[in-house]
PDB file of N, CA and C in Angstrom:
ATOM      1  N   MET A   1     -17.634 -26.980  -6.643  1.00  0.00           N
ATOM      2  CA  MET A   1     -16.767 -26.239  -5.516  1.00  0.00           C
ATOM      3  C   MET A   1     -16.860 -25.153  -6.382  1.00  0.00           C
ATOM      4  N   ILE A   2     -16.471 -24.533  -7.022  1.00  0.00           N
ATOM      5  CA  ILE A   2     -16.288 -23.225  -7.867  1.00  0.00           C
ATOM      6  C   ILE A   2     -17.866 -22.389  -7.832  1.00  0.00           C
ATOM      7  N   GLN A   3     -18.438 -23.227  -8.332  1.00  0.00           N
ATOM      8  CA  GLN A   3     -20.049 -23.218  -9.009  1.00  0.00           C
ATOM      9  C   GLN A   3     -21.126 -22.041  -7.416  1.00  0.00           C
ATOM     10  N   ASN A   4     -20.061 -22.448  -6.288  1.00  0.00           N
ATOM     11  CA  ASN A   4     -20.717 -21.822  -4.812  1.00  0.00           C
ATOM     12  C   ASN A   4     -20.074 -20.235  -5.170  1.00  0.00           C
ATOM     13  N   TYR A   5     -19.185 -20.340  -5.562  1.00  0.00           N
ATOM     14  CA  TYR A   5     -18.127 -18.602  -5.721  1.00  0.00           C
ATOM     15  C   TYR A   5     -18.483 -17.605  -6.832  1.00  0.00           C
ATOM     16  N   VAL A   6     -18.816 -17.991  -8.064  1.00  0.00           N
ATOM     17  CA  VAL A   6     -19.700 -17.710  -8.637  1.00  0.00           C
ATOM     18  C   VAL A   6     -20.613 -16.415  -8.378  1.00  0.00           C
ATOM     19  N   PRO A   7     -21.498 -16.727  -7.459  1.00  0.00           N
ATOM     20  CA  PRO A   7     -22.336 -15.455  -7.433  1.00  0.00           C
ATOM     21  C   PRO A   7     -22.138 -13.947  -6.643  1.00  0.00           C
ATOM     22  N   ILE A   8     -20.611 -14.445  -5.739  1.00  0.00           N
ATOM     23  CA  ILE A   8     -19.983 -13.653  -5.364  1.00  0.00           C
ATOM     24  C   ILE A   8     -19.457 -12.952  -5.833  1.00  0.00           C
ATOM     25  N   GLY A   9     -18.121 -13.624  -7.154  1.00  0.00           N
ATOM     26  CA  GLY A   9     -17.703 -12.913  -7.699  1.00  0.00           C
ATOM     27  C   GLY A   9     -18.258 -11.961  -8.453  1.00  0.00           C
ATOM     28  N   ILE A  10     -19.932 -12.287  -9.175  1.00  0.00           N
ATOM     29  CA  ILE A  10     -20.742 -11.587 -10.044  1.00  0.00           C
ATOM     30  C   ILE A  10     -20.898 -10.181  -8.846  1.00  0.00           C
ATOM     31  N   MET A  11     -21.540 -10.629  -7.710  1.00  0.00           N
ATOM     32  CA  MET A  11     -21.456  -9.234  -6.952  1.00  0.00           C
ATOM     33  C   MET A  11     -20.064  -8.320  -6.639  1.00  0.00           C
ATOM     34  N   ILE A  12     -18.935  -8.872  -6.757  1.00  0.00           N
ATOM     35  CA  ILE A  12     -18.092  -8.067  -6.352  1.00  0.00           C
ATOM     36  C   ILE A  12     -17.880  -7.399  -7.974  1.00  0.00           C
ATOM     37  N   VAL A  13     -17.987  -7.480  -9.170  1.00  0.00           N
ATOM     38  CA  VAL A  13     -17.303  -7.364 -10.586  1.00  0.00           C
ATOM     39  C   VAL A  13     -18.819  -6.183 -10.148  1.00  0.00           C
ATOM     40  N   LEU A  14     -19.793  -6.310  -9.911  1.00  0.00           N
ATOM     41  CA  LEU A  14     -21.250  -5.311 -10.132  1.00  0.00           C
ATOM     42  C   LEU A  14     -20.590  -4.595  -8.981  1.00  0.00           C
ATOM     43  N   GLY A  15     -20.211  -4.421  -8.130  1.00  0.00           N
ATOM     44  CA  GLY A  15     -20.061  -3.465  -6.998  1.00  0.00           C
ATOM     45  C   GLY A  15     -19.197  -2.582  -7.457  1.00  0.00           C
ATOM     46  N   ILE A  16     -18.067  -3.133  -8.175  1.00  0.00           N
ATOM     47  CA  ILE A  16     -16.782  -2.250  -8.388  1.00  0.00           C
ATOM     48  C   ILE A  16     -17.521  -1.394 -10.017  1.00  0.00           C
ATOM     49  N   ALA A  17     -18.063  -2.325 -10.835  1.00  0.00           N
ATOM     50  CA  ALA A  17     -18.533  -1.885 -11.908  1.00  0.00           C
ATOM     51  C   ALA A  17     -19.355  -0.528 -11.378  1.00  0.00           C
ATOM     52  N   PHE A  18     -20.466  -0.702 -10.495  1.00  0.00           N
ATOM     53  CA  PHE A  18     -21.023   0.446 -10.464  1.00  0.00           C
ATOM     54  C   PHE A  18     -20.416   1.646  -9.476  1.00  0.00           C
ATOM     55  N   GLY A  19     -19.867   1.084  -8.737  1.00  0.00           N
ATOM     56  CA  GLY A  19     -18.428   2.597  -7.986  1.00  0.00           C
ATOM     57  C   GLY A  19     -18.185   3.445  -9.001  1.00  0.00           C
ATOM     58  N   VAL A  20     -17.448   2.764 -10.179  1.00  0.00           N
ATOM     59  CA  VAL A  20     -16.740   3.300 -11.049  1.00  0.00           C
ATOM     60  C   VAL A  20     -17.787   4.386 -11.948  1.00  0.00           C
ATOM     61  N   VAL A  21     -18.829   3.877 -12.105  1.00  0.00           N
ATOM     62  CA  VAL A  21     -19.587   4.149 -13.408  1.00  0.00           C
ATOM     63  C   VAL A  21     -20.384   5.369 -12.329  1.00  0.00           C
ATOM     64  N   MET A  22     -20.880   5.550 -11.116  1.00  0.00           N
ATOM     65  CA  MET A  22     -21.126   6.131 -10.094  1.00  0.00           C
ATOM     66  C   MET A  22     -19.913   7.555  -9.784  1.00  0.00           C
ATOM     67  N   SER A  23     -18.743   7.220  -9.980  1.00  0.00           N
ATOM     68  CA  SER A  23     -18.125   8.503  -9.841  1.00  0.00           C
ATOM     69  C   SER A  23     -17.777   8.712 -10.996  1.00  0.00           C
ATOM     70  N   LYS A  24     -18.062   8.920 -12.448  1.00  0.00           N
ATOM     71  CA  LYS A  24     -17.291   9.083 -13.500  1.00  0.00           C
ATOM     72  C   LYS A  24     -18.836   9.407 -13.767  1.00  0.00           C
ATOM     73  N   ALA A  25     -19.808   9.385 -13.510  1.00  0.00           N
ATOM     74  CA  ALA A  25     -20.916   9.912 -14.483  1.00  0.00           C
ATOM     75  C   ALA A  25     -21.356  11.301 -14.685  1.00  0.00           C
ATOM     76  N   SER A  26     -20.722  12.214 -13.161  1.00  0.00           N
ATOM     77  CA  SER A  26     -20.798  13.573 -13.410  1.00  0.00           C
ATOM     78  C   SER A  26     -20.046  14.100 -13.908  1.00  0.00           C
ATOM     79  N   GLU A  27     -19.143  13.293 -14.155  1.00  0.00           N
ATOM     80  CA  GLU A  27     -17.711  13.289 -15.416  1.00  0.00           C
ATOM     81  C   GLU A  27     -17.737  13.866 -16.557  1.00  0.00           C
ATOM     82  N   TRP A  28     -18.888  12.138 -16.877  1.00  0.00           N
ATOM     83  CA  TRP A  28     -19.302  12.288 -17.935  1.00  0.00           C
ATOM     84  C   TRP A  28     -20.239  12.823 -18.846  1.00  0.00           C
ATOM     85  N   PHE A  29     -21.599  13.256 -17.541  1.00  0.00           N
ATOM     86  CA  PHE A  29     -22.813  13.675 -18.380  1.00  0.00           C
ATOM     87  C   PHE A  29     -22.795  15.607 -17.527  1.00  0.00           C
ATOM     88  N   GLY A  30     -22.157  15.491 -16.890  1.00  0.00           N
ATOM     89  CA  GLY A  30     -22.052  17.153 -16.584  1.00  0.00           C
ATOM     90  C   GLY A  30     -21.236  18.592 -17.653  1.00  0.00           C
ATOM     91  N   PRO A  31     -21.920  19.440 -17.067  1.00  0.00           N
ATOM     92  CA  PRO A  31     -21.193  20.774 -17.889  1.00  0.00           C
ATOM     93  C   PRO A  31     -19.840  20.937 -17.467  1.00  0.00           C
ATOM     94  N   LYS A  32     -19.600  21.138 -18.869  1.00  0.00           N
ATOM     95  CA  LYS A  32     -17.956  21.792 -18.816  1.00  0.00           C
ATOM     96  C   LYS A  32     -17.652  22.875 -19.284  1.00  0.00           C
ATOM     97  N   ASN A  33     -17.561  23.739 -18.039  1.00  0.00           N
ATOM     98  CA  ASN A  33     -17.166  24.903 -18.821  1.00  0.00           C
ATOM     99  C   ASN A  33     -16.015  25.709 -17.550  1.00  0.00           C
ATOM    100  N   PRO A  34     -15.143  25.431 -17.480  1.00  0.00           N
ATOM    101  CA  PRO A  34     -14.439  25.661 -16.899  1.00  0.00           C
ATOM    102  C   PRO A  34     -13.908  27.360 -16.443  1.00  0.00           C
ATOM    103  N   HIS A  35     -14.030  28.282 -15.606  1.00  0.00           N
ATOM    104  CA  HIS A  35     -13.599  29.248 -15.578  1.00  0.00           C
ATOM    105  C   HIS A  35     -12.433  29.280 -14.120  1.00  0.00           C
ATOM    106  N   SER A  36     -11.930  30.968 -14.057  1.00  0.00           N
ATOM    107  CA  SER A  36     -10.840  30.813 -13.510  1.00  0.00           C
ATOM    108  C   SER A  36     -10.941  30.806 -12.351  1.00  0.00           C
ATOM    109  N   GLU A  37     -12.584  31.530 -11.739  1.00  0.00           N
ATOM    110  CA  GLU A  37     -13.747  31.429 -10.594  1.00  0.00           C
ATOM    111  C   GLU A  37     -13.686  30.216 -10.096  1.00  0.00           C
ATOM    112  N   LYS A  38     -14.437  29.593 -11.115  1.00  0.00           N
ATOM    113  CA  LYS A  38     -14.092  27.845 -10.494  1.00  0.00           C
ATOM    114  C   LYS A  38     -13.213  27.199 -10.070  1.00  0.00           C
ATOM    115  N   LEU A  39     -12.187  27.665 -10.910  1.00  0.00           N
ATOM    116  CA  LEU A  39     -10.609  26.651 -10.768  1.00  0.00           C
ATOM    117  C   LEU A  39     -10.035  27.140  -9.513  1.00  0.00           C
ATOM    118  N   SER A  40     -10.541  28.652  -8.831  1.00  0.00           N
ATOM    119  CA  SER A  40      -9.783  28.681  -7.731  1.00  0.00           C
ATOM    120  C   SER A  40      -9.525  28.394  -6.811  1.00  0.00           C
ATOM    121  N   THR A  41      -8.658  28.332  -5.655  1.00  0.00           N
ATOM    122  CA  THR A  41      -8.902  27.596  -4.216  1.00  0.00           C
ATOM    123  C   THR A  41      -9.730  29.278  -3.492  1.00  0.00           C
ATOM    124  N   TYR A  42     -10.509  28.099  -2.788  1.00  0.00           N
ATOM    125  CA  TYR A  42     -11.491  28.772  -1.914  1.00  0.00           C
ATOM    126  C   TYR A  42     -11.157  29.020  -0.846  1.00  0.00           C
ATOM    127  N   GLU A  43     -10.532  30.076   0.446  1.00  0.00           N
ATOM    128  CA  GLU A  43     -10.341  29.719   1.519  1.00  0.00           C
ATOM    129  C   GLU A  43     -11.019  30.575   2.694  1.00  0.00           C
ATOM    130  N   SER A  44     -12.082  30.368   2.729  1.00  0.00           N
ATOM    131  CA  SER A  44     -13.616  31.223   3.783  1.00  0.00           C
ATOM    132  C   SER A  44     -13.035  32.453   2.889  1.00  0.00           C
ATOM    133  N   GLY A  45     -13.504  32.923   1.630  1.00  0.00           N
ATOM    134  CA  GLY A  45     -13.215  33.844   0.863  1.00  0.00           C
ATOM    135  C   GLY A  45     -12.315  34.622   0.822  1.00  0.00           C
ATOM    136  N   MET A  46     -11.261  34.111   1.378  1.00  0.00           N
ATOM    137  CA  MET A  46      -9.943  35.105   1.188  1.00  0.00           C
ATOM    138  C   MET A  46      -8.829  35.014   0.143  1.00  0.00           C
ATOM    139  N   GLU A  47      -8.146  35.337  -0.394  1.00  0.00           N
ATOM    140  CA  GLU A  47      -7.063  35.193  -1.534  1.00  0.00           C
ATOM    141  C   GLU A  47      -5.921  34.096  -0.625  1.00  0.00           C
ATOM    142  N   PRO A  48      -5.519  32.908  -1.260  1.00  0.00           N
ATOM    143  CA  PRO A  48      -4.868  32.001  -1.042  1.00  0.00           C
ATOM    144  C   PRO A  48      -3.577  32.638  -0.988  1.00  0.00           C
ATOM    145  N   VAL A  49      -2.800  32.794   0.516  1.00  0.00           N
ATOM    146  CA  VAL A  49      -1.063  33.220   0.519  1.00  0.00           C
ATOM    147  C   VAL A  49      -0.379  32.170   0.648  1.00  0.00           C
ATOM    148  N   GLY A  50       0.839  32.280  -0.138  1.00  0.00           N
ATOM    149  CA  GLY A  50       1.564  31.065   0.112  1.00  0.00           C
ATOM    150  C   GLY A  50       1.623  30.263  -1.311  1.00  0.00           C
ATOM    151  N   THR A  51       2.287  28.417  -0.410  1.00  0.00           N
ATOM    152  CA  THR A  51       1.839  27.277  -1.133  1.00  0.00           C
ATOM    153  C   THR A  51       1.168  26.198  -0.180  1.00  0.00           C
ATOM    154  N   ALA A  52       0.598  25.247  -0.766  1.00  0.00           N
ATOM    155  CA  ALA A  52      -0.327  24.248  -0.071  1.00  0.00           C
ATOM    156  C   ALA A  52       0.896  23.674   0.373  1.00  0.00           C
ATOM    157  N   ARG A  53       2.450  23.415   0.065  1.00  0.00           N
ATOM    158  CA  ARG A  53       3.200  22.823   0.272  1.00  0.00           C
ATOM    159  C   ARG A  53       3.681  22.835   1.576  1.00  0.00           C
ATOM    160  N   GLU A  54       3.007  23.815   2.314  1.00  0.00           N
ATOM    161  CA  GLU A  54       3.798  23.973   3.764  1.00  0.00           C
ATOM    162  C   GLU A  54       3.809  23.034   4.923  1.00  0.00           C
ATOM    163  N   ARG A  55       5.361  23.036   5.381  1.00  0.00           N
ATOM    164  CA  ARG A  55       5.408  22.423   6.553  1.00  0.00           C
ATOM    165  C   ARG A  55       4.787  22.452   7.836  1.00  0.00           C
ATOM    166  N   PHE A  56       4.378  21.053   8.277  1.00  0.00           N
ATOM    167  CA  PHE A  56       4.356  21.132   9.817  1.00  0.00           C
ATOM    168  C   PHE A  56       5.112  20.746  10.168  1.00  0.00           C
ATOM    169  N   SER A  57       4.840  21.183  11.820  1.00  0.00           N
ATOM    170  CA  SER A  57       5.799  20.367  13.247  1.00  0.00           C
ATOM    171  C   SER A  57       5.091  18.971  13.116  1.00  0.00           C
ATOM    172  N   VAL A  58       6.297  18.120  13.615  1.00  0.00           N
ATOM    173  CA  VAL A  58       6.583  17.104  14.032  1.00  0.00           C
ATOM    174  C   VAL A  58       5.338  17.452  15.328  1.00  0.00           C
ATOM    175  N   LYS A  59       5.228  17.869  16.102  1.00  0.00           N
ATOM    176  CA  LYS A  59       4.530  17.913  17.416  1.00  0.00           C
ATOM    177  C   LYS A  59       3.053  18.127  16.307  1.00  0.00           C
ATOM    178  N   PHE A  60       2.872  18.563  15.836  1.00  0.00           N
ATOM    179  CA  PHE A  60       1.291  18.423  15.297  1.00  0.00           C
ATOM    180  C   PHE A  60       1.045  16.953  15.289  1.00  0.00           C
ATOM    181  N   TYR A  61       1.996  16.405  14.760  1.00  0.00           N
ATOM    182  CA  TYR A  61       1.438  14.675  14.248  1.00  0.00           C
ATOM    183  C   TYR A  61       1.346  13.715  15.921  1.00  0.00           C
ATOM    184  N   MET A  62       2.444  14.569  16.495  1.00  0.00           N
ATOM    185  CA  MET A  62       2.567  13.654  17.619  1.00  0.00           C
ATOM    186  C   MET A  62       1.559  13.976  18.257  1.00  0.00           C
ATOM    187  N   VAL A  63       0.806  14.615  18.371  1.00  0.00           N
ATOM    188  CA  VAL A  63      -0.696  14.749  19.783  1.00  0.00           C
ATOM    189  C   VAL A  63      -1.949  14.520  18.739  1.00  0.00           C
ATOM    190  N   ALA A  64      -1.331  14.437  17.522  1.00  0.00           N
ATOM    191  CA  ALA A  64      -2.393  13.460  16.583  1.00  0.00           C
ATOM    192  C   ALA A  64      -2.940  11.966  16.662  1.00  0.00           C
ATOM    193  N   VAL A  65      -1.382  11.398  16.604  1.00  0.00           N
ATOM    194  CA  VAL A  65      -1.127  10.594  16.457  1.00  0.00           C
ATOM    195  C   VAL A  65      -1.698   9.490  18.412  1.00  0.00           C
ATOM    196  N   LEU A  66      -1.304  10.308  19.230  1.00  0.00           N
ATOM    197  CA  LEU A  66      -1.255   9.966  20.310  1.00  0.00           C
ATOM    198  C   LEU A  66      -2.861  10.080  20.682  1.00  0.00           C
ATOM    199  N   PHE A  67      -3.543  11.119  20.433  1.00  0.00           N
ATOM    200  CA  PHE A  67      -4.994  11.287  20.310  1.00  0.00           C
ATOM    201  C   PHE A  67      -5.457  10.234  20.001  1.00  0.00           C
ATOM    202  N   ILE A  68      -5.160   9.472  19.106  1.00  0.00           N
ATOM    203  CA  ILE A  68      -6.041   8.188  18.109  1.00  0.00           C
ATOM    204  C   ILE A  68      -5.229   7.208  18.850  1.00  0.00           C
ATOM    205  N   ILE A  69      -4.532   7.239  19.550  1.00  0.00           N
ATOM    206  CA  ILE A  69      -3.990   6.257  20.388  1.00  0.00           C
ATOM    207  C   ILE A  69      -5.081   5.961  21.712  1.00  0.00           C
ATOM    208  N   PHE A  70      -5.207   7.219  22.553  1.00  0.00           N
ATOM    209  CA  PHE A  70      -6.429   7.049  23.671  1.00  0.00           C
ATOM    210  C   PHE A  70      -7.221   6.518  23.330  1.00  0.00           C
ATOM    211  N   ASP A  71      -7.910   7.624  22.487  1.00  0.00           N
ATOM    212  CA  ASP A  71      -9.561   7.571  21.981  1.00  0.00           C
ATOM    213  C   ASP A  71      -9.406   6.138  21.503  1.00  0.00           C
ATOM    214  N   VAL A  72      -8.745   4.801  20.782  1.00  0.00           N
ATOM    215  CA  VAL A  72      -9.173   3.620  20.244  1.00  0.00           C
ATOM    216  C   VAL A  72      -9.273   2.913  21.890  1.00  0.00           C
ATOM    217  N   GLU A  73      -7.949   3.140  22.731  1.00  0.00           N
ATOM    218  CA  GLU A  73      -7.874   2.740  23.510  1.00  0.00           C
ATOM    219  C   GLU A  73      -8.972   2.367  24.503  1.00  0.00           C
ATOM    220  N   VAL A  74      -9.869   3.975  24.629  1.00  0.00           N
ATOM    221  CA  VAL A  74     -10.859   3.892  25.725  1.00  0.00           C
ATOM    222  C   VAL A  74     -12.358   3.341  24.752  1.00  0.00           C
ATOM    223  N   VAL A  75     -12.186   3.156  23.404  1.00  0.00           N
ATOM    224  CA  VAL A  75     -13.458   1.946  22.893  1.00  0.00           C
ATOM    225  C   VAL A  75     -13.056   0.923  23.295  1.00  0.00           C
ATOM    226  N   PHE A  76     -12.125   0.089  24.163  1.00  0.00           N
ATOM    227  CA  PHE A  76     -11.812  -1.003  24.794  1.00  0.00           C
ATOM    228  C   PHE A  76     -12.772  -1.257  26.046  1.00  0.00           C
ATOM    229  N   LEU A  77     -13.220   0.140  27.143  1.00  0.00           N
ATOM    230  CA  LEU A  77     -13.669   0.042  27.979  1.00  0.00           C
ATOM    231  C   LEU A  77     -15.205  -0.292  27.714  1.00  0.00           C
ATOM    232  N   TYR A  78     -15.582  -0.045  26.818  1.00  0.00           N
ATOM    233  CA  TYR A  78     -17.023  -0.343  26.244  1.00  0.00           C
ATOM    234  C   TYR A  78     -17.666  -1.562  26.604  1.00  0.00           C
ATOM    235  N   PRO A  79     -17.286  -2.727  26.143  1.00  0.00           N
ATOM    236  CA  PRO A  79     -17.208  -4.043  25.727  1.00  0.00           C
ATOM    237  C   PRO A  79     -16.915  -4.394  27.024  1.00  0.00           C
ATOM    238  N   TRP A  80     -15.960  -4.030  27.673  1.00  0.00           N
ATOM    239  CA  TRP A  80     -15.836  -4.526  29.002  1.00  0.00           C
ATOM    240  C   TRP A  80     -17.067  -3.821  30.245  1.00  0.00           C
ATOM    241  N   ALA A  81     -17.212  -2.710  29.771  1.00  0.00           N
ATOM    242  CA  ALA A  81     -18.388  -2.210  30.631  1.00  0.00           C
ATOM    243  C   ALA A  81     -20.185  -2.787  30.293  1.00  0.00           C
ATOM    244  N   VAL A  82     -19.754  -3.348  29.347  1.00  0.00           N
ATOM    245  CA  VAL A  82     -21.566  -4.054  29.438  1.00  0.00           C
ATOM    246  C   VAL A  82     -21.556  -5.329  29.727  1.00  0.00           C
ATOM    247  N   ASN A  83     -19.956  -6.139  30.323  1.00  0.00           N
ATOM    248  CA  ASN A  83     -20.129  -7.635  30.418  1.00  0.00           C
ATOM    249  C   ASN A  83     -19.141  -7.118  31.967  1.00  0.00           C
ATOM    250  N   PHE A  84     -19.544  -6.197  32.208  1.00  0.00           N
ATOM    251  CA  PHE A  84     -19.109  -6.495  33.707  1.00  0.00           C
ATOM    252  C   PHE A  84     -19.131  -7.190  35.068  1.00  0.00           C
ATOM    253  N   ARG A  85     -20.292  -7.588  34.665  1.00  0.00           N
ATOM    254  CA  ARG A  85     -21.064  -8.400  36.000  1.00  0.00           C
ATOM    255  C   ARG A  85     -20.589 -10.372  35.205  1.00  0.00           C
ATOM    256  N   GLU A  86     -19.914 -10.089  34.281  1.00  0.00           N
ATOM    257  CA  GLU A  86     -19.984 -11.624  33.592  1.00  0.00           C
ATOM    258  C   GLU A  86     -18.608 -11.948  33.880  1.00  0.00           C
ATOM    259  N   LEU A  87     -18.172 -10.755  34.028  1.00  0.00           N
ATOM    260  CA  LEU A  87     -16.272 -10.918  33.564  1.00  0.00           C
ATOM    261  C   LEU A  87     -15.706 -10.982  35.298  1.00  0.00           C
ATOM    262  N   GLY A  88     -16.550 -10.960  36.490  1.00  0.00           N
ATOM    263  CA  GLY A  88     -16.050 -11.292  37.852  1.00  0.00           C
ATOM    264  C   GLY A  88     -14.853 -10.041  37.897  1.00  0.00           C
ATOM    265  N   VAL A  89     -14.034 -10.776  39.045  1.00  0.00           N
ATOM    266  CA  VAL A  89     -12.959 -10.413  39.625  1.00  0.00           C
ATOM    267  C   VAL A  89     -11.817 -10.706  38.599  1.00  0.00           C
ATOM    268  N   PHE A  90     -11.604 -10.833  38.215  1.00  0.00           N
ATOM    269  CA  PHE A  90     -10.497 -11.468  36.773  1.00  0.00           C
ATOM    270  C   PHE A  90     -10.846  -9.732  35.518  1.00  0.00           C
ATOM    271  N   GLY A  91     -11.744  -9.756  35.630  1.00  0.00           N
ATOM    272  CA  GLY A  91     -11.987  -8.861  34.136  1.00  0.00           C
ATOM    273  C   GLY A  91     -11.675  -7.457  34.645  1.00  0.00           C
ATOM    274  N   PHE A  92     -12.097  -7.464  36.100  1.00  0.00           N
ATOM    275  CA  PHE A  92     -11.975  -6.134  36.888  1.00  0.00           C
ATOM    276  C   PHE A  92     -10.389  -5.952  36.480  1.00  0.00           C
ATOM    277  N   ALA A  93      -9.650  -6.607  37.135  1.00  0.00           N
ATOM    278  CA  ALA A  93      -7.958  -6.762  37.561  1.00  0.00           C
ATOM    279  C   ALA A  93      -7.446  -6.542  36.543  1.00  0.00           C
ATOM    280  N   ALA A  94      -8.214  -7.373  35.210  1.00  0.00           N
ATOM    281  CA  ALA A  94      -7.713  -7.054  33.462  1.00  0.00           C
ATOM    282  C   ALA A  94      -7.774  -5.708  33.378  1.00  0.00           C
ATOM    283  N   MET A  95      -9.049  -5.051  33.696  1.00  0.00           N
ATOM    284  CA  MET A  95      -9.133  -3.864  32.807  1.00  0.00           C
ATOM    285  C   MET A  95      -8.488  -2.832  34.277  1.00  0.00           C
ATOM    286  N   ALA A  96      -7.882  -3.022  35.404  1.00  0.00           N
ATOM    287  CA  ALA A  96      -7.363  -2.208  35.742  1.00  0.00           C
ATOM    288  C   ALA A  96      -6.312  -2.185  35.848  1.00  0.00           C
ATOM    289  N   VAL A  97      -5.197  -3.329  35.437  1.00  0.00           N
ATOM    290  CA  VAL A  97      -3.960  -3.074  34.707  1.00  0.00           C
ATOM    291  C   VAL A  97      -3.968  -2.464  33.731  1.00  0.00           C
ATOM    292  N   PHE A  98      -4.660  -2.355  32.422  1.00  0.00           N
ATOM    293  CA  PHE A  98      -4.552  -1.628  31.186  1.00  0.00           C
ATOM    294  C   PHE A  98      -5.030  -0.136  31.647  1.00  0.00           C
ATOM    295  N   ILE A  99      -5.746   0.289  32.799  1.00  0.00           N
ATOM    296  CA  ILE A  99      -5.846   2.039  32.569  1.00  0.00           C
ATOM    297  C   ILE A  99      -4.921   2.289  33.210  1.00  0.00           C
ATOM    298  N   VAL A 100      -4.218   0.920  34.096  1.00  0.00           N
ATOM    299  CA  VAL A 100      -2.737   1.582  34.857  1.00  0.00           C
ATOM    300  C   VAL A 100      -1.574   1.861  34.173  1.00  0.00           C
ATOM    301  N   THR A 101      -1.668   1.085  32.894  1.00  0.00           N
ATOM    302  CA  THR A 101      -0.649   1.132  31.843  1.00  0.00           C
ATOM    303  C   THR A 101      -0.977   2.597  30.909  1.00  0.00           C
ATOM    304  N   LEU A 102      -2.620   2.491  30.403  1.00  0.00           N
ATOM    305  CA  LEU A 102      -2.827   3.686  29.695  1.00  0.00           C
ATOM    306  C   LEU A 102      -2.267   5.122  30.550  1.00  0.00           C
ATOM    307  N   LEU A 103      -2.797   5.204  31.888  1.00  0.00           N
ATOM    308  CA  LEU A 103      -2.326   6.224  32.708  1.00  0.00           C
ATOM    309  C   LEU A 103      -0.824   6.668  32.814  1.00  0.00           C
ATOM    310  N   LEU A 104      -0.045   5.223  32.847  1.00  0.00           N
ATOM    311  CA  LEU A 104       2.094   5.260  33.178  1.00  0.00           C
ATOM    312  C   LEU A 104       2.057   5.861  31.418  1.00  0.00           C
ATOM    313  N   GLY A 105       1.208   5.357  30.494  1.00  0.00           N
ATOM    314  CA  GLY A 105       1.564   6.052  29.344  1.00  0.00           C
ATOM    315  C   GLY A 105       1.638   7.403  28.798  1.00  0.00           C
ATOM    316  N   PHE A 106       0.304   7.657  29.453  1.00  0.00           N
ATOM    317  CA  PHE A 106      -0.240   9.296  29.557  1.00  0.00           C
ATOM    318  C   PHE A 106       0.643  10.086  29.849  1.00  0.00           C
ATOM    319  N   ALA A 107       1.334   9.700  31.005  1.00  0.00           N
ATOM    320  CA  ALA A 107       2.051  10.155  32.477  1.00  0.00           C
ATOM    321  C   ALA A 107       3.360  10.857  31.345  1.00  0.00           C
ATOM    322  N   TYR A 108       3.988   9.602  31.268  1.00  0.00           N
ATOM    323  CA  TYR A 108       5.352   9.466  30.075  1.00  0.00           C
ATOM    324  C   TYR A 108       5.519  10.762  29.315  1.00  0.00           C
ATOM    325  N   VAL A 109       4.623  10.656  28.284  1.00  0.00           N
ATOM    326  CA  VAL A 109       4.096  11.294  27.287  1.00  0.00           C
ATOM    327  C   VAL A 109       3.986  12.747  27.806  1.00  0.00           C
ATOM    328  N   TRP A 110       3.335  12.878  28.639  1.00  0.00           N
ATOM    329  CA  TRP A 110       2.545  14.326  29.341  1.00  0.00           C
ATOM    330  C   TRP A 110       5.029  14.924  29.944  1.00  0.00           C
ATOM    331  N   ARG A 111       5.542  13.741  30.369  1.00  0.00           N
ATOM    332  CA  ARG A 111       6.459  14.147  30.906  1.00  0.00           C
ATOM    333  C   ARG A 111       7.890  14.302  29.742  1.00  0.00           C
ATOM    334  N   LYS A 112       7.131  13.959  28.842  1.00  0.00           N
ATOM    335  CA  LYS A 112       8.283  14.115  27.126  1.00  0.00           C
ATOM    336  C   LYS A 112       8.285  15.627  27.065  1.00  0.00           C
ATOM    337  N   GLY A 113       6.993  15.918  27.340  1.00  0.00           N
ATOM    338  CA  GLY A 113       6.568  16.972  26.775  1.00  0.00           C
ATOM    339  C   GLY A 113       5.838  17.072  24.867  1.00  0.00           C
ATOM    340  N   ALA A 114       5.419  15.902  24.903  1.00  0.00           N
ATOM    341  CA  ALA A 114       4.944  15.222  23.560  1.00  0.00           C
ATOM    342  C   ALA A 114       3.493  16.382  23.450  1.00  0.00           C
ATOM    343  N   LEU A 115       3.092  16.922  24.521  1.00  0.00           N
ATOM    344  CA  LEU A 115       1.756  17.654  24.363  1.00  0.00           C
ATOM    345  C   LEU A 115       1.496  19.063  24.461  1.00  0.00           C
ATOM    346  N   GLU A 116       2.928  19.465  24.573  1.00  0.00           N
ATOM    347  CA  GLU A 116       3.365  20.930  24.091  1.00  0.00           C
ATOM    348  C   GLU A 116       2.795  21.730  22.850  1.00  0.00           C
ATOM    349  N   TRP A 117       2.532  22.465  22.845  1.00  0.00           N
ATOM    350  CA  TRP A 117       2.806  22.992  21.425  1.00  0.00           C
ATOM    351  C   TRP A 117       3.732  24.319  21.158  1.00  0.00           C
ATOM    352  N   ASP A 118       3.739  24.864  21.420  1.00  0.00           N
ATOM    353  CA  ASP A 118       5.301  25.960  21.450  1.00  0.00           C
ATOM    354  C   ASP A 118       6.095  25.494  20.818  1.00  0.00           C
TER     355      ASP A 118
END
């Protein structure tokens, strides 16, 4: 039984080894001449001002999470649209409930002011 898994184990080990070797190849074989200009932060040609550890508002993260949630939910519409005829009335009703739930969630988020940037 274990003999069936030996090729899989070999492929996993080879894949990990290949990933490590390729990620370290430039470090091993590349030129090593660090310079202050090369090591400085580049921000569109402007000198960096302040620290990179600046705090962001929680609203920024809220909008990002809400975007991801509503974006992923829209992905569920594609398989439904492809199989729309085969699903019949039950599929239509289930998707209607799904869309109404999404719209209610969106209205709730909007009323709470989670999408406001000020």
